[in-house]
Protein backbone atom coordinates (compact mmCIF):
# COMPACT_ATOMS: atom_id res chain seq x y z
CA MET A 1 45.57 -6.69 -1.67
CA GLY A 2 45.55 -7.63 2.04
CA ALA A 3 43.52 -7.14 5.12
CA LYS A 4 44.05 -3.39 5.26
CA GLY A 5 42.95 -2.98 1.44
CA GLU A 6 39.96 -5.02 2.02
CA ALA A 7 38.86 -3.00 5.04
CA ALA A 8 39.60 0.21 3.10
CA GLU A 9 37.29 -0.92 0.25
CA ASN A 10 34.42 -1.79 2.54
CA ALA A 11 34.71 1.34 4.55
CA ALA A 12 32.08 3.94 4.71
CA PRO A 13 32.73 6.69 1.97
CA THR A 14 33.77 10.00 3.27
CA PRO A 15 34.39 13.44 1.96
CA THR A 16 37.91 13.74 0.70
CA ALA A 17 39.94 16.57 2.32
CA ALA A 18 41.04 17.95 -0.95
CA SER A 19 38.06 17.93 -3.24
CA GLY A 20 35.07 17.62 -0.80
CA GLU A 21 33.83 14.82 -2.85
CA THR A 22 32.31 11.51 -1.72
CA SER A 23 34.19 8.45 -3.00
CA PHE A 24 31.31 5.72 -3.28
CA GLU A 25 32.45 2.28 -3.46
CA PHE A 26 29.53 -0.12 -3.60
CA LEU A 27 30.87 -3.25 -5.28
CA ALA A 28 27.77 -5.50 -5.51
CA PHE A 29 29.46 -8.98 -5.41
CA ARG A 30 32.19 -8.54 -3.02
CA GLY A 31 31.83 -9.42 0.73
CA GLY A 32 29.79 -12.04 2.45
CA PRO A 33 30.37 -15.60 3.46
CA PHE A 34 30.37 -17.13 0.07
CA TYR A 35 32.73 -14.53 -1.18
CA ASP A 36 35.06 -15.22 1.69
CA LEU A 37 34.89 -18.87 0.93
CA GLN A 38 35.86 -18.53 -2.74
CA LYS A 39 38.54 -16.36 -1.69
CA ARG A 40 39.95 -18.99 0.81
CA PHE A 41 39.88 -21.65 -2.03
CA ALA A 42 41.77 -19.00 -4.18
CA LEU A 43 38.63 -18.90 -6.62
CA LEU A 44 38.88 -15.03 -6.72
CA GLU A 45 40.85 -12.11 -5.45
CA ASP A 46 39.98 -8.77 -3.80
CA HIS A 47 41.15 -7.18 -7.13
CA ALA A 48 39.76 -9.58 -9.29
CA LEU A 49 36.29 -11.65 -9.61
CA ARG A 50 37.67 -14.04 -12.09
CA ALA A 51 34.21 -14.57 -13.23
CA GLY A 52 34.95 -16.62 -16.44
CA PRO A 53 37.10 -19.37 -14.50
CA ARG A 54 34.51 -19.54 -11.68
CA ALA A 55 31.77 -19.88 -14.17
CA LEU A 56 33.58 -23.04 -15.77
CA ILE A 57 34.23 -24.48 -12.29
CA PHE A 58 30.66 -24.16 -10.89
CA THR A 59 28.89 -25.06 -14.17
CA ALA A 60 31.25 -28.20 -14.10
CA LEU A 61 30.10 -28.88 -10.67
CA ALA A 62 26.31 -28.38 -11.46
CA TRP A 63 26.06 -29.70 -15.04
CA LEU A 64 29.18 -31.88 -15.84
CA VAL A 65 29.34 -34.11 -12.76
CA PRO A 66 25.78 -35.27 -13.11
CA LEU A 67 26.32 -35.85 -16.73
CA VAL A 68 29.24 -38.18 -15.82
CA LEU A 69 27.26 -39.92 -12.90
CA SER A 70 24.40 -40.60 -15.57
CA ILE A 71 26.72 -42.29 -18.06
CA THR A 72 24.51 -45.18 -18.30
CA ASP A 73 21.73 -43.14 -19.62
CA PRO A 74 23.20 -39.86 -20.77
CA ARG A 75 20.41 -39.41 -23.24
CA SER A 76 17.87 -38.86 -20.87
CA TYR A 77 20.08 -36.18 -19.05
CA LEU A 78 20.93 -34.22 -22.21
CA ALA A 79 17.21 -34.43 -23.27
CA ASP A 80 16.05 -32.65 -20.26
CA PRO A 81 15.55 -28.96 -21.00
CA GLY A 82 15.56 -28.11 -17.42
CA VAL A 83 19.14 -29.50 -16.93
CA TRP A 84 20.63 -27.21 -19.75
CA ALA A 85 18.66 -24.09 -18.43
CA LYS A 86 19.39 -24.31 -14.65
CA PHE A 87 22.76 -26.23 -14.32
CA LEU A 88 24.56 -24.88 -17.49
CA ILE A 89 23.09 -21.54 -18.85
CA ALA A 90 21.75 -20.04 -15.55
CA VAL A 91 24.64 -21.05 -13.14
CA GLY A 92 27.14 -19.95 -15.61
CA ALA A 93 25.12 -16.71 -16.47
CA PHE A 94 24.78 -15.65 -12.84
CA LEU A 95 28.49 -16.09 -12.18
CA LEU A 96 29.49 -14.26 -15.54
CA ALA A 97 27.02 -11.48 -14.63
CA GLU A 98 28.89 -10.47 -11.38
CA GLN A 99 31.70 -8.44 -13.06
CA GLN A 100 29.29 -6.78 -15.37
CA VAL A 101 26.89 -5.79 -12.68
CA GLU A 102 29.65 -4.50 -10.34
CA CYS A 103 31.04 -2.24 -13.14
CA GLY A 104 27.76 -0.91 -14.32
CA LEU A 105 26.50 -0.20 -10.85
CA ARG A 106 29.91 1.37 -9.79
CA MET A 107 29.64 3.82 -12.85
CA LYS A 108 26.39 4.86 -12.04
CA LEU A 109 26.79 5.44 -8.43
CA GLY A 110 29.97 7.29 -9.23
CA GLN A 111 28.30 9.68 -11.37
CA PHE A 112 26.62 11.07 -8.32
CA VAL A 113 30.15 12.34 -7.38
CA ARG A 114 31.59 13.15 -10.69
CA ALA A 115 28.43 15.45 -11.62
CA PRO A 116 28.28 16.41 -8.50
CA LEU A 117 24.34 15.63 -8.01
CA ILE A 118 24.53 15.36 -4.11
CA ALA A 119 24.27 18.83 -2.12
CA PRO A 120 27.41 19.16 -0.02
CA HIS A 121 25.40 19.18 3.26
CA SER A 122 23.99 15.87 2.10
CA LEU A 123 27.35 14.14 1.74
CA PRO A 124 27.39 12.54 5.33
CA ALA A 125 23.91 11.05 4.82
CA ALA A 126 25.01 9.77 1.35
CA GLY A 127 28.17 8.10 3.08
CA ASP A 128 25.66 6.51 5.72
CA ALA A 129 23.60 5.18 3.06
CA VAL A 130 26.50 3.34 1.24
CA ALA A 131 27.83 2.03 4.47
CA MET A 132 24.40 0.45 5.23
CA ALA A 133 24.39 -1.01 1.70
CA LEU A 134 27.85 -2.49 2.28
CA ARG A 135 26.59 -4.05 5.78
CA ARG A 136 23.65 -5.38 4.15
CA ARG A 137 25.62 -6.74 1.28
CA ASP A 138 27.93 -8.53 3.46
CA SER A 139 25.10 -9.96 5.82
CA ALA A 140 25.74 -13.65 6.70
CA LEU A 141 22.20 -13.99 7.87
CA ALA A 142 20.97 -12.93 4.25
CA GLU A 143 23.27 -15.35 2.54
CA ALA A 144 21.98 -18.27 5.08
CA VAL A 145 18.45 -17.39 4.18
CA CYS A 146 19.38 -17.40 0.48
CA LEU A 147 20.92 -21.05 0.92
CA GLY A 148 18.07 -22.09 3.07
CA PHE A 149 15.39 -21.19 0.49
CA GLY A 150 17.53 -22.45 -2.18
CA ILE A 151 17.62 -25.93 -0.75
CA MET A 152 13.88 -25.58 -0.19
CA LEU A 153 13.44 -24.75 -3.89
CA SER A 154 15.60 -27.63 -4.80
CA VAL A 155 13.45 -30.04 -3.15
CA VAL A 156 10.29 -28.73 -4.79
CA ALA A 157 11.97 -28.60 -8.22
CA PHE A 158 13.34 -32.22 -7.70
CA THR A 159 9.82 -33.45 -6.88
CA GLY A 160 8.61 -31.90 -10.11
CA ILE A 161 11.06 -33.80 -12.39
CA SER A 162 9.13 -35.98 -14.71
CA PRO A 163 9.28 -39.87 -13.93
CA ALA A 164 10.36 -40.18 -17.53
CA ALA A 165 13.74 -38.48 -16.66
CA SER A 166 15.51 -41.73 -16.02
CA TRP A 167 18.89 -39.82 -15.27
CA ALA A 168 17.23 -38.55 -11.91
CA VAL A 169 14.89 -41.44 -11.04
CA ASP A 170 15.26 -44.99 -11.70
CA PRO A 171 11.82 -46.72 -12.38
CA ALA A 172 12.93 -50.21 -10.65
CA PRO A 173 10.64 -52.97 -10.36
CA ASP A 174 10.46 -52.46 -6.60
CA GLY A 175 9.79 -48.82 -6.74
CA PRO A 176 11.47 -45.69 -8.20
CA ARG A 177 15.01 -45.01 -6.83
CA ILE A 178 16.97 -41.87 -7.01
CA THR A 179 20.12 -42.41 -9.17
CA PRO A 180 23.41 -40.90 -8.32
CA ALA A 181 23.02 -38.32 -10.79
CA GLY A 182 19.60 -37.38 -9.13
CA TRP A 183 21.19 -37.14 -5.67
CA TRP A 184 23.85 -34.77 -6.81
CA ALA A 185 21.25 -32.72 -8.41
CA LEU A 186 19.30 -32.55 -5.41
CA PHE A 187 21.97 -31.84 -2.96
CA VAL A 188 24.42 -29.83 -5.21
CA SER A 189 23.06 -28.74 -8.78
CA LEU A 190 19.72 -27.41 -7.71
CA PRO A 191 20.89 -25.73 -4.32
CA LEU A 192 23.70 -23.98 -6.06
CA PHE A 193 21.39 -22.74 -8.73
CA GLY A 194 18.76 -21.54 -6.24
CA PHE A 195 21.34 -20.04 -4.03
CA LEU A 196 22.94 -18.03 -6.73
CA PHE A 197 19.75 -16.75 -7.94
CA LEU A 198 18.44 -15.69 -4.61
CA ARG A 199 21.95 -14.12 -3.72
CA GLY A 200 21.95 -12.03 -6.76
CA LEU A 201 18.19 -11.03 -6.06
CA TRP A 202 19.17 -9.94 -2.57
CA ARG A 203 22.15 -7.81 -3.69
CA HIS A 204 20.00 -5.97 -6.19
CA LEU A 205 17.52 -5.42 -3.55
CA VAL A 206 20.30 -3.81 -1.53
CA TRP A 207 21.15 -1.54 -4.41
CA ALA A 208 17.44 -0.71 -4.81
CA LEU A 209 17.27 0.61 -1.30
CA LEU A 210 20.60 2.44 -1.67
CA LEU A 211 18.97 4.24 -4.84
CA ARG A 212 15.72 4.90 -2.99
CA LYS A 213 17.72 6.40 0.02
CA ILE A 214 19.76 8.62 -2.29
CA ALA A 215 16.47 9.79 -3.87
CA THR A 216 15.45 11.25 -0.51
CA LEU A 217 18.72 13.43 -0.30
CA ASP A 218 18.85 17.07 -1.56
CA LEU A 219 19.95 16.61 -5.17
CA ARG A 220 21.42 19.20 -7.33
CA LEU A 221 19.07 18.64 -10.21
CA VAL A 222 18.81 21.18 -13.07
CA ALA A 223 15.70 21.38 -15.31
CA THR A 224 17.73 22.73 -18.20
CA HIS A 225 19.94 19.64 -18.42
CA PRO A 226 19.95 18.13 -22.08
CA ASP A 227 19.20 14.74 -20.81
CA GLY A 228 15.45 15.74 -19.92
CA ASN A 229 15.67 14.10 -16.75
CA GLY A 230 17.36 16.82 -14.50
CA GLY A 231 20.79 15.11 -14.89
CA LEU A 232 19.46 11.56 -13.71
CA ALA A 233 18.79 10.21 -17.25
CA PHE A 234 22.37 8.02 -16.88
CA LEU A 235 20.46 5.87 -14.27
CA ALA A 236 17.89 4.63 -16.64
CA ASP A 237 19.95 1.98 -18.45
CA TYR A 238 21.44 0.61 -15.21
CA PRO A 239 19.11 -2.39 -15.68
CA ASN A 240 21.11 -3.61 -18.77
CA ALA A 241 24.03 -4.44 -16.40
CA TYR A 242 21.91 -7.28 -15.27
CA MET A 243 21.41 -8.75 -18.97
CA LEU A 244 23.20 -12.06 -18.09
CA SER A 245 21.44 -12.56 -14.73
CA VAL A 246 18.00 -12.03 -16.42
CA LEU A 247 19.05 -14.35 -19.17
CA GLY A 248 20.01 -17.09 -16.52
CA ALA A 249 16.77 -16.69 -14.72
CA SER A 250 14.52 -16.53 -17.90
CA SER A 251 16.01 -19.76 -19.28
CA ALA A 252 15.12 -21.60 -16.15
CA VAL A 253 11.44 -20.32 -16.40
CA ALA A 254 11.50 -20.96 -20.13
CA ALA A 255 12.62 -24.60 -19.60
CA ALA A 256 9.57 -25.11 -17.65
CA VAL A 257 7.34 -23.76 -20.30
CA ALA A 258 9.10 -25.96 -22.63
CA LYS A 259 8.30 -28.97 -21.08
CA HIS A 260 4.59 -28.10 -21.11
CA LEU A 261 4.88 -27.16 -24.67
CA ALA A 262 6.40 -30.60 -25.35
CA HIS A 263 3.26 -32.23 -23.57
CA GLU A 264 0.87 -29.96 -25.33
CA THR A 265 -0.59 -28.77 -22.15
CA ILE A 266 -0.57 -24.98 -22.84
CA SER A 267 -1.99 -23.09 -25.75
CA MET A 268 -0.45 -20.10 -27.46
CA THR A 269 -2.79 -17.92 -25.33
CA THR A 270 -1.28 -19.34 -22.38
CA PHE A 271 2.14 -19.12 -23.69
CA THR A 272 1.59 -15.22 -24.45
CA SER A 273 0.35 -14.59 -21.04
CA ILE A 274 3.21 -16.47 -19.25
CA THR A 275 5.80 -14.58 -21.32
CA GLY A 276 4.21 -11.17 -20.90
CA GLY A 277 3.83 -11.73 -17.03
CA TRP A 278 7.40 -12.70 -16.80
CA LEU A 279 8.58 -9.54 -18.73
CA ALA A 280 6.42 -7.53 -16.53
CA ILE A 281 8.01 -9.03 -13.46
CA VAL A 282 11.49 -8.51 -14.75
CA LEU A 283 10.82 -5.08 -15.80
CA ALA A 284 9.12 -4.10 -12.43
CA LEU A 285 12.06 -5.39 -10.47
CA PHE A 286 14.22 -2.75 -12.01
CA VAL A 287 11.73 -0.07 -12.68
CA LEU A 288 10.77 0.09 -9.05
CA PRO A 289 13.99 1.49 -7.67
CA LEU A 290 14.09 4.18 -10.36
CA ALA A 291 10.56 5.51 -9.44
CA ALA A 292 11.82 6.85 -6.18
CA PHE A 293 13.38 9.77 -8.36
CA SER A 294 10.15 10.76 -9.77
CA SER A 295 9.44 12.55 -6.60
CA PRO A 296 12.41 15.07 -6.80
CA LEU A 297 11.94 15.64 -10.29
CA VAL A 298 8.10 16.31 -9.97
CA ARG A 299 8.90 18.67 -7.36
CA LEU A 300 11.65 20.43 -9.57
CA LYS A 301 9.25 20.80 -12.35
CA GLU A 302 6.39 22.26 -10.29
CA SER A 303 8.57 24.65 -8.34
CA GLY A 304 10.50 25.67 -11.58
CA VAL A 305 7.41 26.19 -13.45
CA LEU A 306 6.06 28.56 -10.70
CA VAL A 307 9.23 30.51 -10.14
CA CYS A 308 9.98 30.87 -14.08
CA GLY A 309 6.38 31.78 -14.47
CA ALA A 310 6.53 34.58 -11.94
CA GLN A 311 9.70 36.11 -13.51
CA ALA A 312 8.26 35.58 -16.94
CA THR A 313 5.23 37.73 -15.93
CA ARG A 314 7.50 40.49 -14.41
CA PHE A 315 9.86 40.54 -17.77
CA GLN A 316 7.09 40.47 -20.12
CA ARG A 317 5.19 43.34 -18.25
CA ALA A 318 8.37 45.35 -18.27
CA ALA A 319 9.06 44.85 -21.96
CA GLU A 320 5.21 45.83 -22.72
CA ARG A 321 5.78 49.00 -20.73
CA LYS A 322 8.93 49.81 -22.53
CA ALA A 323 7.26 49.35 -25.79
CA LEU A 324 3.69 50.96 -25.02
CA GLY A 325 4.62 53.18 -22.06
CA ALA A 326 2.36 51.45 -19.98
CA ASN A 327 0.84 48.05 -19.37
CA VAL A 328 -2.44 47.36 -21.06
CA VAL A 329 -4.10 45.64 -18.29
CA ALA A 330 -3.77 46.71 -14.57
CA ASP A 331 -1.17 49.44 -15.13
CA SER A 332 0.62 50.58 -12.02
CA PRO A 333 2.73 53.69 -11.22
CA GLU A 334 4.60 51.61 -8.81
CA GLU A 335 5.85 49.33 -11.60
CA ARG A 336 6.71 52.20 -14.04
CA ASP A 337 9.00 53.43 -11.31
CA GLU A 338 10.85 50.09 -10.96
CA LYS A 339 14.51 50.14 -11.87
CA GLU A 340 15.34 46.65 -11.55
CA GLU A 341 15.62 44.74 -14.84
CA THR A 342 14.70 41.05 -15.01
CA SER A 343 15.87 38.46 -17.52
CA ASP A 344 13.95 36.60 -20.12
CA VAL A 345 13.43 32.95 -18.88
CA SER A 346 11.41 31.68 -21.77
CA LYS A 347 14.05 28.93 -22.43
CA GLN A 348 14.18 27.91 -18.73
CA PHE A 349 10.31 27.90 -18.64
CA ASP A 350 10.12 25.51 -21.45
CA ALA A 351 12.70 23.27 -20.10
CA PHE A 352 10.89 23.09 -16.61
CA ARG A 353 7.70 22.31 -18.73
CA LYS A 354 9.27 19.65 -20.73
CA LEU A 355 10.97 18.16 -17.67
CA SER A 356 10.10 14.35 -17.31
CA GLY A 357 9.67 12.77 -14.05
CA VAL A 358 9.99 9.28 -15.57
CA LEU A 359 13.30 7.88 -15.87
CA VAL A 360 12.64 4.75 -17.73
CA ASN A 361 11.64 4.35 -21.32
CA ARG A 362 11.47 1.27 -23.59
CA PHE A 363 14.56 2.11 -25.33
CA ALA A 364 16.77 2.34 -22.36
CA VAL A 365 15.64 -1.20 -21.21
CA LEU A 366 15.27 -2.88 -24.47
CA PRO A 367 18.48 -5.00 -24.15
CA VAL A 368 17.45 -6.43 -20.82
CA ALA A 369 13.94 -6.95 -21.97
CA ALA A 370 15.41 -8.81 -25.17
CA ALA A 371 17.48 -11.07 -22.70
CA ALA A 372 14.23 -11.66 -20.61
CA LEU A 373 12.42 -12.76 -24.04
CA LEU A 374 15.10 -14.65 -25.89
CA PRO A 375 14.79 -17.99 -23.99
CA PHE A 376 11.06 -17.98 -24.49
CA ALA A 377 11.55 -17.34 -28.24
CA ILE A 378 13.65 -20.56 -28.33
CA ALA A 379 11.28 -22.45 -26.15
CA GLY A 380 7.99 -21.30 -28.18
CA ALA A 381 9.77 -22.07 -31.57
CA MET A 382 10.23 -25.64 -30.76
CA LYS A 383 6.48 -26.46 -30.68
CA LEU A 384 4.48 -23.34 -31.83
CA PRO A 385 4.45 -21.57 -35.38
CA PHE A 386 7.55 -19.34 -35.59
CA LYS A 387 5.62 -16.51 -37.02
CA GLU A 388 3.24 -16.38 -34.21
CA VAL A 389 5.88 -16.45 -31.50
CA PHE A 390 7.87 -13.94 -33.24
CA SER A 391 4.96 -11.73 -33.51
CA VAL A 392 4.00 -12.10 -30.01
CA LEU A 393 7.46 -11.28 -28.81
CA LYS A 394 7.88 -8.28 -31.15
CA LYS A 395 4.76 -6.79 -29.77
CA LEU A 396 6.01 -7.33 -26.13
CA LEU A 397 9.23 -5.52 -26.85
CA LEU A 398 7.42 -2.50 -28.61
CA LEU A 399 5.12 -1.97 -25.63
């Protein structure tokens, strides 16, 4: 695909002449300086992210090179849980997740057109929203900020490396000195981890803002939809597209917890609090964008109950007159002369009453919650009783 194809991919969605539908193309991990740099080095192509090969290359840069540089003391390097979590698992997971996230979000966004859920007069506004999301996605400033904060986080993380980690710091007689592996970690491995994490976080924020904008449009919701959410239930499991990203980030956090467990500086209670707090942060990150759809769903429910209630009253009073010859209460000659027949809306009324304004449920986000807790299960099982750790994680998953 050449420059024209790339321009077409990034163009704002517009209604097609034949069908009047809007073609949404929000590819979460295309565009931006880092994407262009990788494309220049033939690491990816416009039609293929090549996530697997890129994951191998970047994990080799982040994890394998320091191992080679610490060849005089590889045991210290391989014994550091942070090295495995950040340089190998997290970096690899962040890159492998890109294809999964793109496919997942593309399918969810496309459903708004396939259904169709967006009212025809709101299509131009929907197109503008996607175009804005693409501009935010491609922002060079955003990636520069991610890189800057990634470097800052790498410095903070490096200063927190234990003095016993001789792979990074050589405790020489004349004072500690940073080893070649330590310099590489400081300038390459840690900034790469921080940048990939923050870049992924930014692009999820772009997606979240897009969802919140779509939620303000006129949506063709229907209370009797079998999903119980007016036709929007398909959005509830979008967080599961981020399973690998969450696994990578959770591994880094769990590795820090594992270090404290190794030194017995935290108790089971503290471990439970940290794990529960992290799970709450992860779920909030994905639940908040979906909360924007609660407002239109609640309005649909309230309006529908009133409209169906009014029609049900007319229908049931007409049925009463037909059966008894007059209404038992507040009988009116004018009503008896009415010729208009109304329909029984009992099923619609029940559907409106049962309509849920909450898109998320624990079953929908169970996979991503499990991905968030798995690294903590491994970290906790190393030093804490397995039954207690399993019990804590089971309770968190059932909440």
